Amino acid sequence: MSRKPRYGKTETRRQLILNKIADHLLACGMKDSSLRQLAAAIGTSDRMLLHYFLDKEELMTAALNLVAARMIGILESTHSKPNALSNSCSPPCRNDKRTWHSSLLAALARTGGNVNSKRNLPYGCQTNLR
C-alpha cells in the first residue's frame, strides 16, 4: 500500500532522498542494497528512510521509476539527434550495465521503440550484457 502524497518540507525531503537513492542506484547498481546500505550511501539512517517510505519495496519502486523517467527523458530529448543518445548512454552503461539495459528496454517499450534485439542499443551498451 502506497502512502498519500505529502506536501511542503516533508515532500521536499522525500524527493531529495529519492533523487539521492536513484543517483546511487545508477552509480552502484542494486547489488548490496539493503536499507542500511542505501541509507549509509546517502548519509542518513534506515529509520529515516522508513519515515518517508512505507518499506524497502516502496522506496525501490519509486527510485527505479525515477531512474526510468530520467532515461525516458534522455530518449525523448535525443530522439532527433542521432549521436546524442549514444553519448548520453555511456556513463550509465559503465556504472551498471544490467540496470541500464533493463531500464532502457523498459523505456523503449513505453515509447514504442524496437526492443527485439541488443543490436539496437547504442554503442557501449552492447558489451558484457547477460
N, C-alpha and C. Protein backbone atom coordinates (compact mmCIF):
# COMPACT_ATOMS: atom_id res chain seq x y z
N MET A 1 0.84 -1.17 0.00
CA MET A 1 0.00 0.00 0.00
C MET A 1 0.89 1.24 0.00
N SER A 2 0.64 2.13 -0.89
CA SER A 2 1.44 3.35 -1.01
C SER A 2 0.86 4.45 -0.12
N ARG A 3 1.75 5.29 0.36
CA ARG A 3 1.30 6.42 1.18
C ARG A 3 0.73 7.51 0.31
N LYS A 4 -0.10 8.36 0.92
CA LYS A 4 -0.65 9.50 0.20
C LYS A 4 0.46 10.51 -0.07
N PRO A 5 0.37 11.24 -1.17
CA PRO A 5 1.39 12.25 -1.45
C PRO A 5 1.46 13.28 -0.33
N ARG A 6 2.67 13.71 -0.03
CA ARG A 6 2.88 14.70 1.01
C ARG A 6 3.28 16.01 0.36
N TYR A 7 3.11 17.08 1.11
CA TYR A 7 3.43 18.39 0.58
C TYR A 7 4.31 19.14 1.56
N GLY A 8 4.90 20.21 1.11
CA GLY A 8 5.72 21.03 1.98
C GLY A 8 7.10 20.44 2.18
N LYS A 9 7.67 20.69 3.37
CA LYS A 9 9.03 20.26 3.67
C LYS A 9 9.17 18.74 3.63
N THR A 10 8.14 18.03 4.08
CA THR A 10 8.21 16.57 4.10
C THR A 10 8.34 16.02 2.69
N GLU A 11 7.54 16.52 1.76
CA GLU A 11 7.62 16.03 0.38
C GLU A 11 8.93 16.46 -0.26
N THR A 12 9.39 17.65 0.05
CA THR A 12 10.67 18.11 -0.49
C THR A 12 11.80 17.20 -0.02
N ARG A 13 11.80 16.86 1.25
CA ARG A 13 12.84 15.97 1.80
C ARG A 13 12.72 14.57 1.20
N ARG A 14 11.50 14.09 1.02
CA ARG A 14 11.28 12.77 0.41
C ARG A 14 11.84 12.74 -1.01
N GLN A 15 11.58 13.79 -1.78
CA GLN A 15 12.09 13.86 -3.15
C GLN A 15 13.62 13.95 -3.17
N LEU A 16 14.20 14.66 -2.22
CA LEU A 16 15.66 14.74 -2.13
C LEU A 16 16.25 13.36 -1.86
N ILE A 17 15.67 12.64 -0.92
CA ILE A 17 16.12 11.27 -0.62
C ILE A 17 15.97 10.39 -1.85
N LEU A 18 14.83 10.49 -2.52
CA LEU A 18 14.56 9.68 -3.70
C LEU A 18 15.58 9.95 -4.80
N ASN A 19 15.91 11.22 -5.03
CA ASN A 19 16.92 11.56 -6.03
C ASN A 19 18.29 11.00 -5.67
N LYS A 20 18.65 11.07 -4.39
CA LYS A 20 19.94 10.52 -3.96
C LYS A 20 19.99 9.01 -4.12
N ILE A 21 18.89 8.33 -3.80
CA ILE A 21 18.84 6.88 -3.96
C ILE A 21 18.93 6.52 -5.45
N ALA A 22 18.21 7.23 -6.30
CA ALA A 22 18.27 6.98 -7.75
C ALA A 22 19.70 7.18 -8.27
N ASP A 23 20.35 8.26 -7.83
CA ASP A 23 21.75 8.50 -8.24
C ASP A 23 22.65 7.36 -7.78
N HIS A 24 22.43 6.91 -6.55
CA HIS A 24 23.24 5.81 -6.01
C HIS A 24 23.02 4.53 -6.81
N LEU A 25 21.77 4.22 -7.14
CA LEU A 25 21.48 3.02 -7.92
C LEU A 25 22.13 3.08 -9.30
N LEU A 26 22.12 4.24 -9.93
CA LEU A 26 22.77 4.37 -11.23
C LEU A 26 24.28 4.22 -11.11
N ALA A 27 24.84 4.73 -10.04
CA ALA A 27 26.30 4.68 -9.87
C ALA A 27 26.78 3.30 -9.42
N CYS A 28 26.00 2.62 -8.58
CA CYS A 28 26.49 1.40 -7.94
C CYS A 28 25.67 0.15 -8.25
N GLY A 29 24.51 0.31 -8.84
CA GLY A 29 23.66 -0.83 -9.12
C GLY A 29 22.84 -1.23 -7.91
N MET A 30 22.16 -2.35 -8.03
CA MET A 30 21.25 -2.79 -6.98
C MET A 30 21.86 -3.83 -6.05
N LYS A 31 23.06 -4.28 -6.37
CA LYS A 31 23.72 -5.26 -5.51
C LYS A 31 23.99 -4.62 -4.15
N ASP A 32 23.83 -5.40 -3.11
CA ASP A 32 24.06 -4.91 -1.74
C ASP A 32 23.22 -3.67 -1.45
N SER A 33 21.93 -3.76 -1.69
CA SER A 33 21.07 -2.59 -1.49
C SER A 33 20.08 -2.81 -0.34
N SER A 34 20.61 -3.19 0.82
CA SER A 34 19.74 -3.27 1.99
C SER A 34 19.39 -1.84 2.41
N LEU A 35 18.37 -1.70 3.23
CA LEU A 35 18.00 -0.36 3.69
C LEU A 35 19.17 0.33 4.39
N ARG A 36 19.90 -0.41 5.21
CA ARG A 36 21.04 0.18 5.91
C ARG A 36 22.12 0.63 4.94
N GLN A 37 22.41 -0.19 3.95
CA GLN A 37 23.44 0.17 2.97
C GLN A 37 23.00 1.37 2.14
N LEU A 38 21.75 1.40 1.74
CA LEU A 38 21.24 2.54 0.98
C LEU A 38 21.29 3.82 1.82
N ALA A 39 20.87 3.71 3.08
CA ALA A 39 20.88 4.87 3.97
C ALA A 39 22.30 5.39 4.16
N ALA A 40 23.23 4.49 4.41
CA ALA A 40 24.63 4.90 4.60
C ALA A 40 25.18 5.57 3.35
N ALA A 41 24.80 5.06 2.19
CA ALA A 41 25.30 5.62 0.92
C ALA A 41 24.85 7.05 0.70
N ILE A 42 23.68 7.41 1.23
CA ILE A 42 23.19 8.78 1.02
C ILE A 42 23.30 9.64 2.28
N GLY A 43 23.92 9.09 3.32
CA GLY A 43 24.18 9.88 4.51
C GLY A 43 23.00 10.07 5.45
N THR A 44 22.18 9.03 5.58
CA THR A 44 21.05 9.09 6.51
C THR A 44 20.93 7.75 7.21
N SER A 45 19.85 7.52 7.92
CA SER A 45 19.66 6.25 8.62
C SER A 45 18.53 5.46 7.96
N ASP A 46 18.54 4.15 8.22
CA ASP A 46 17.47 3.31 7.68
C ASP A 46 16.12 3.70 8.29
N ARG A 47 16.12 4.16 9.52
CA ARG A 47 14.87 4.60 10.16
C ARG A 47 14.29 5.82 9.44
N MET A 48 15.19 6.70 8.99
CA MET A 48 14.72 7.90 8.28
C MET A 48 14.11 7.50 6.93
N LEU A 49 14.70 6.51 6.26
CA LEU A 49 14.12 6.04 5.01
C LEU A 49 12.70 5.51 5.25
N LEU A 50 12.53 4.79 6.35
CA LEU A 50 11.21 4.24 6.66
C LEU A 50 10.23 5.30 7.14
N HIS A 51 10.74 6.45 7.53
CA HIS A 51 9.85 7.56 7.86
C HIS A 51 9.19 8.11 6.59
N TYR A 52 9.97 8.14 5.50
CA TYR A 52 9.48 8.72 4.26
C TYR A 52 8.88 7.70 3.30
N PHE A 53 9.23 6.42 3.47
CA PHE A 53 8.72 5.36 2.60
C PHE A 53 8.18 4.23 3.46
N LEU A 54 7.10 3.62 3.04
CA LEU A 54 6.43 2.57 3.80
C LEU A 54 7.37 1.41 4.09
N ASP A 55 8.13 0.99 3.08
CA ASP A 55 9.07 -0.12 3.22
C ASP A 55 10.09 -0.05 2.09
N LYS A 56 10.99 -1.01 2.06
CA LYS A 56 12.03 -1.02 1.03
C LYS A 56 11.42 -1.14 -0.36
N GLU A 57 10.38 -1.93 -0.49
CA GLU A 57 9.73 -2.10 -1.79
C GLU A 57 9.22 -0.77 -2.34
N GLU A 58 8.58 0.02 -1.50
CA GLU A 58 8.08 1.32 -1.95
C GLU A 58 9.24 2.24 -2.34
N LEU A 59 10.31 2.23 -1.55
CA LEU A 59 11.49 3.04 -1.85
C LEU A 59 12.11 2.65 -3.18
N MET A 60 12.34 1.35 -3.37
CA MET A 60 12.98 0.88 -4.60
C MET A 60 12.09 1.10 -5.81
N THR A 61 10.79 0.89 -5.66
CA THR A 61 9.86 1.13 -6.77
C THR A 61 9.90 2.59 -7.19
N ALA A 62 9.84 3.48 -6.21
CA ALA A 62 9.88 4.92 -6.52
C ALA A 62 11.21 5.31 -7.14
N ALA A 63 12.31 4.77 -6.62
CA ALA A 63 13.64 5.11 -7.15
C ALA A 63 13.81 4.59 -8.57
N LEU A 64 13.40 3.36 -8.82
CA LEU A 64 13.54 2.80 -10.17
C LEU A 64 12.60 3.49 -11.16
N ASN A 65 11.42 3.91 -10.71
CA ASN A 65 10.54 4.70 -11.57
C ASN A 65 11.18 6.03 -11.92
N LEU A 66 11.87 6.64 -10.96
CA LEU A 66 12.58 7.89 -11.23
C LEU A 66 13.72 7.67 -12.22
N VAL A 67 14.47 6.58 -12.05
CA VAL A 67 15.54 6.25 -13.00
C VAL A 67 14.96 6.06 -14.40
N ALA A 68 13.86 5.32 -14.50
CA ALA A 68 13.23 5.09 -15.80
C ALA A 68 12.74 6.41 -16.40
N ALA A 69 12.15 7.28 -15.58
CA ALA A 69 11.68 8.58 -16.08
C ALA A 69 12.84 9.42 -16.60
N ARG A 70 13.96 9.38 -15.89
CA ARG A 70 15.15 10.11 -16.37
C ARG A 70 15.60 9.57 -17.72
N MET A 71 15.62 8.25 -17.85
CA MET A 71 16.07 7.64 -19.11
C MET A 71 15.10 7.91 -20.25
N ILE A 72 13.82 7.91 -19.95
CA ILE A 72 12.83 8.27 -20.98
C ILE A 72 13.06 9.71 -21.41
N GLY A 73 13.34 10.58 -20.45
CA GLY A 73 13.65 11.98 -20.78
C GLY A 73 14.85 12.08 -21.69
N ILE A 74 15.88 11.28 -21.42
CA ILE A 74 17.07 11.27 -22.28
C ILE A 74 16.69 10.80 -23.68
N LEU A 75 15.90 9.72 -23.75
CA LEU A 75 15.49 9.20 -25.06
C LEU A 75 14.67 10.23 -25.83
N GLU A 76 13.74 10.88 -25.14
CA GLU A 76 12.89 11.86 -25.81
C GLU A 76 13.68 13.09 -26.24
N SER A 77 14.62 13.53 -25.42
CA SER A 77 15.38 14.74 -25.76
C SER A 77 16.40 14.50 -26.85
N THR A 78 16.77 13.25 -27.08
CA THR A 78 17.79 12.96 -28.09
C THR A 78 17.21 12.29 -29.33
N HIS A 79 15.89 12.15 -29.38
CA HIS A 79 15.25 11.43 -30.48
C HIS A 79 15.64 12.00 -31.85
N SER A 80 15.73 13.31 -31.98
CA SER A 80 16.03 13.90 -33.28
C SER A 80 17.52 14.15 -33.49
N LYS A 81 18.35 13.78 -32.51
CA LYS A 81 19.80 13.98 -32.62
C LYS A 81 20.46 12.60 -32.62
N PRO A 82 20.91 12.08 -33.76
CA PRO A 82 21.39 10.70 -33.86
C PRO A 82 22.51 10.32 -32.88
N ASN A 83 23.52 11.13 -32.70
CA ASN A 83 24.64 10.75 -31.85
C ASN A 83 24.44 11.12 -30.39
N ALA A 84 23.48 11.95 -30.09
CA ALA A 84 23.28 12.40 -28.72
C ALA A 84 22.87 11.25 -27.80
N LEU A 85 22.05 10.32 -28.28
CA LEU A 85 21.63 9.20 -27.44
C LEU A 85 22.82 8.34 -27.07
N SER A 86 23.67 8.06 -28.03
CA SER A 86 24.87 7.26 -27.75
C SER A 86 25.74 7.93 -26.71
N ASN A 87 25.92 9.24 -26.83
CA ASN A 87 26.72 9.97 -25.85
C ASN A 87 26.07 9.96 -24.48
N SER A 88 24.76 10.01 -24.42
CA SER A 88 24.04 10.01 -23.15
C SER A 88 24.11 8.66 -22.46
N CYS A 89 24.30 7.60 -23.20
CA CYS A 89 24.27 6.25 -22.63
C CYS A 89 25.56 5.87 -21.92
N SER A 90 26.66 6.44 -22.29
CA SER A 90 27.94 5.96 -21.80
C SER A 90 28.07 5.87 -20.28
N PRO A 91 27.84 6.93 -19.51
CA PRO A 91 28.05 6.79 -18.06
C PRO A 91 27.17 5.73 -17.40
N PRO A 92 25.86 5.67 -17.66
CA PRO A 92 25.08 4.62 -17.02
C PRO A 92 25.53 3.22 -17.42
N CYS A 93 25.96 3.05 -18.68
CA CYS A 93 26.40 1.73 -19.12
C CYS A 93 27.66 1.30 -18.39
N ARG A 94 28.56 2.24 -18.17
CA ARG A 94 29.79 1.90 -17.44
C ARG A 94 29.48 1.56 -15.99
N ASN A 95 28.52 2.23 -15.39
CA ASN A 95 28.26 2.04 -13.97
C ASN A 95 27.52 0.75 -13.67
N ASP A 96 26.52 0.45 -14.42
CA ASP A 96 25.76 -0.76 -14.14
C ASP A 96 25.02 -1.18 -15.40
N LYS A 97 25.64 -2.01 -16.20
CA LYS A 97 25.08 -2.40 -17.48
C LYS A 97 23.73 -3.10 -17.34
N ARG A 98 23.59 -3.92 -16.34
CA ARG A 98 22.33 -4.66 -16.21
C ARG A 98 21.16 -3.73 -15.88
N THR A 99 21.36 -2.82 -14.93
CA THR A 99 20.30 -1.88 -14.58
C THR A 99 19.96 -1.02 -15.78
N TRP A 100 20.99 -0.51 -16.45
CA TRP A 100 20.79 0.34 -17.62
C TRP A 100 20.06 -0.42 -18.71
N HIS A 101 20.48 -1.65 -18.99
CA HIS A 101 19.88 -2.44 -20.05
C HIS A 101 18.40 -2.67 -19.76
N SER A 102 18.07 -3.08 -18.53
CA SER A 102 16.68 -3.33 -18.17
C SER A 102 15.85 -2.06 -18.26
N SER A 103 16.41 -0.97 -17.75
CA SER A 103 15.68 0.30 -17.77
C SER A 103 15.52 0.83 -19.19
N LEU A 104 16.56 0.66 -20.00
CA LEU A 104 16.50 1.13 -21.38
C LEU A 104 15.43 0.35 -22.15
N LEU A 105 15.40 -0.96 -21.97
CA LEU A 105 14.39 -1.76 -22.66
C LEU A 105 12.98 -1.37 -22.21
N ALA A 106 12.81 -1.12 -20.92
CA ALA A 106 11.50 -0.68 -20.42
C ALA A 106 11.12 0.67 -21.02
N ALA A 107 12.09 1.57 -21.10
CA ALA A 107 11.83 2.89 -21.67
C ALA A 107 11.49 2.78 -23.15
N LEU A 108 12.24 1.95 -23.87
CA LEU A 108 11.96 1.77 -25.30
C LEU A 108 10.58 1.15 -25.51
N ALA A 109 10.21 0.21 -24.65
CA ALA A 109 8.90 -0.42 -24.78
C ALA A 109 7.79 0.60 -24.59
N ARG A 110 7.98 1.51 -23.62
CA ARG A 110 6.96 2.53 -23.36
C ARG A 110 6.87 3.56 -24.48
N THR A 111 7.97 3.78 -25.18
CA THR A 111 7.98 4.79 -26.23
C THR A 111 7.80 4.19 -27.62
N GLY A 112 7.55 2.89 -27.68
CA GLY A 112 7.30 2.26 -28.97
C GLY A 112 8.54 1.91 -29.75
N GLY A 113 9.69 1.88 -29.10
CA GLY A 113 10.94 1.53 -29.77
C GLY A 113 11.05 0.04 -30.01
N ASN A 114 12.01 -0.36 -30.81
CA ASN A 114 12.23 -1.76 -31.11
C ASN A 114 13.02 -2.38 -29.97
N VAL A 115 12.43 -3.34 -29.26
CA VAL A 115 13.11 -3.97 -28.13
C VAL A 115 13.46 -5.43 -28.42
N ASN A 116 13.50 -5.82 -29.68
CA ASN A 116 13.71 -7.21 -30.02
C ASN A 116 15.17 -7.63 -30.08
N SER A 117 16.10 -6.70 -30.08
CA SER A 117 17.49 -7.07 -30.26
C SER A 117 18.42 -6.13 -29.54
N LYS A 118 19.51 -6.70 -28.96
CA LYS A 118 20.53 -5.86 -28.35
C LYS A 118 21.25 -5.04 -29.41
N ARG A 119 21.17 -5.45 -30.67
CA ARG A 119 21.85 -4.70 -31.74
C ARG A 119 21.31 -3.28 -31.86
N ASN A 120 20.10 -3.04 -31.37
CA ASN A 120 19.51 -1.72 -31.46
C ASN A 120 19.94 -0.79 -30.33
N LEU A 121 20.74 -1.32 -29.39
CA LEU A 121 21.22 -0.48 -28.30
C LEU A 121 22.39 0.37 -28.78
N PRO A 122 22.61 1.52 -28.15
CA PRO A 122 23.73 2.37 -28.53
C PRO A 122 25.06 1.68 -28.27
N TYR A 123 26.08 2.10 -29.01
CA TYR A 123 27.42 1.55 -28.84
C TYR A 123 27.85 1.72 -27.39
N GLY A 124 28.47 0.72 -26.83
CA GLY A 124 28.91 0.78 -25.44
C GLY A 124 27.94 0.07 -24.52
N CYS A 125 26.70 -0.05 -24.96
CA CYS A 125 25.70 -0.75 -24.14
C CYS A 125 25.56 -2.19 -24.60
N GLN A 126 26.27 -2.58 -25.64
CA GLN A 126 26.10 -3.90 -26.21
C GLN A 126 27.03 -4.94 -25.60
N THR A 127 28.09 -4.53 -24.94
CA THR A 127 29.06 -5.49 -24.46
C THR A 127 28.76 -5.94 -23.05
N ASN A 128 29.10 -7.17 -22.77
CA ASN A 128 29.02 -7.75 -21.43
C ASN A 128 27.62 -7.75 -20.83
N LEU A 129 26.59 -7.75 -21.64
CA LEU A 129 25.22 -7.84 -21.12
C LEU A 129 24.85 -9.31 -21.02
N ARG A 130 24.30 -9.70 -19.90
CA ARG A 130 23.91 -11.11 -19.72
C ARG A 130 22.45 -11.20 -19.42
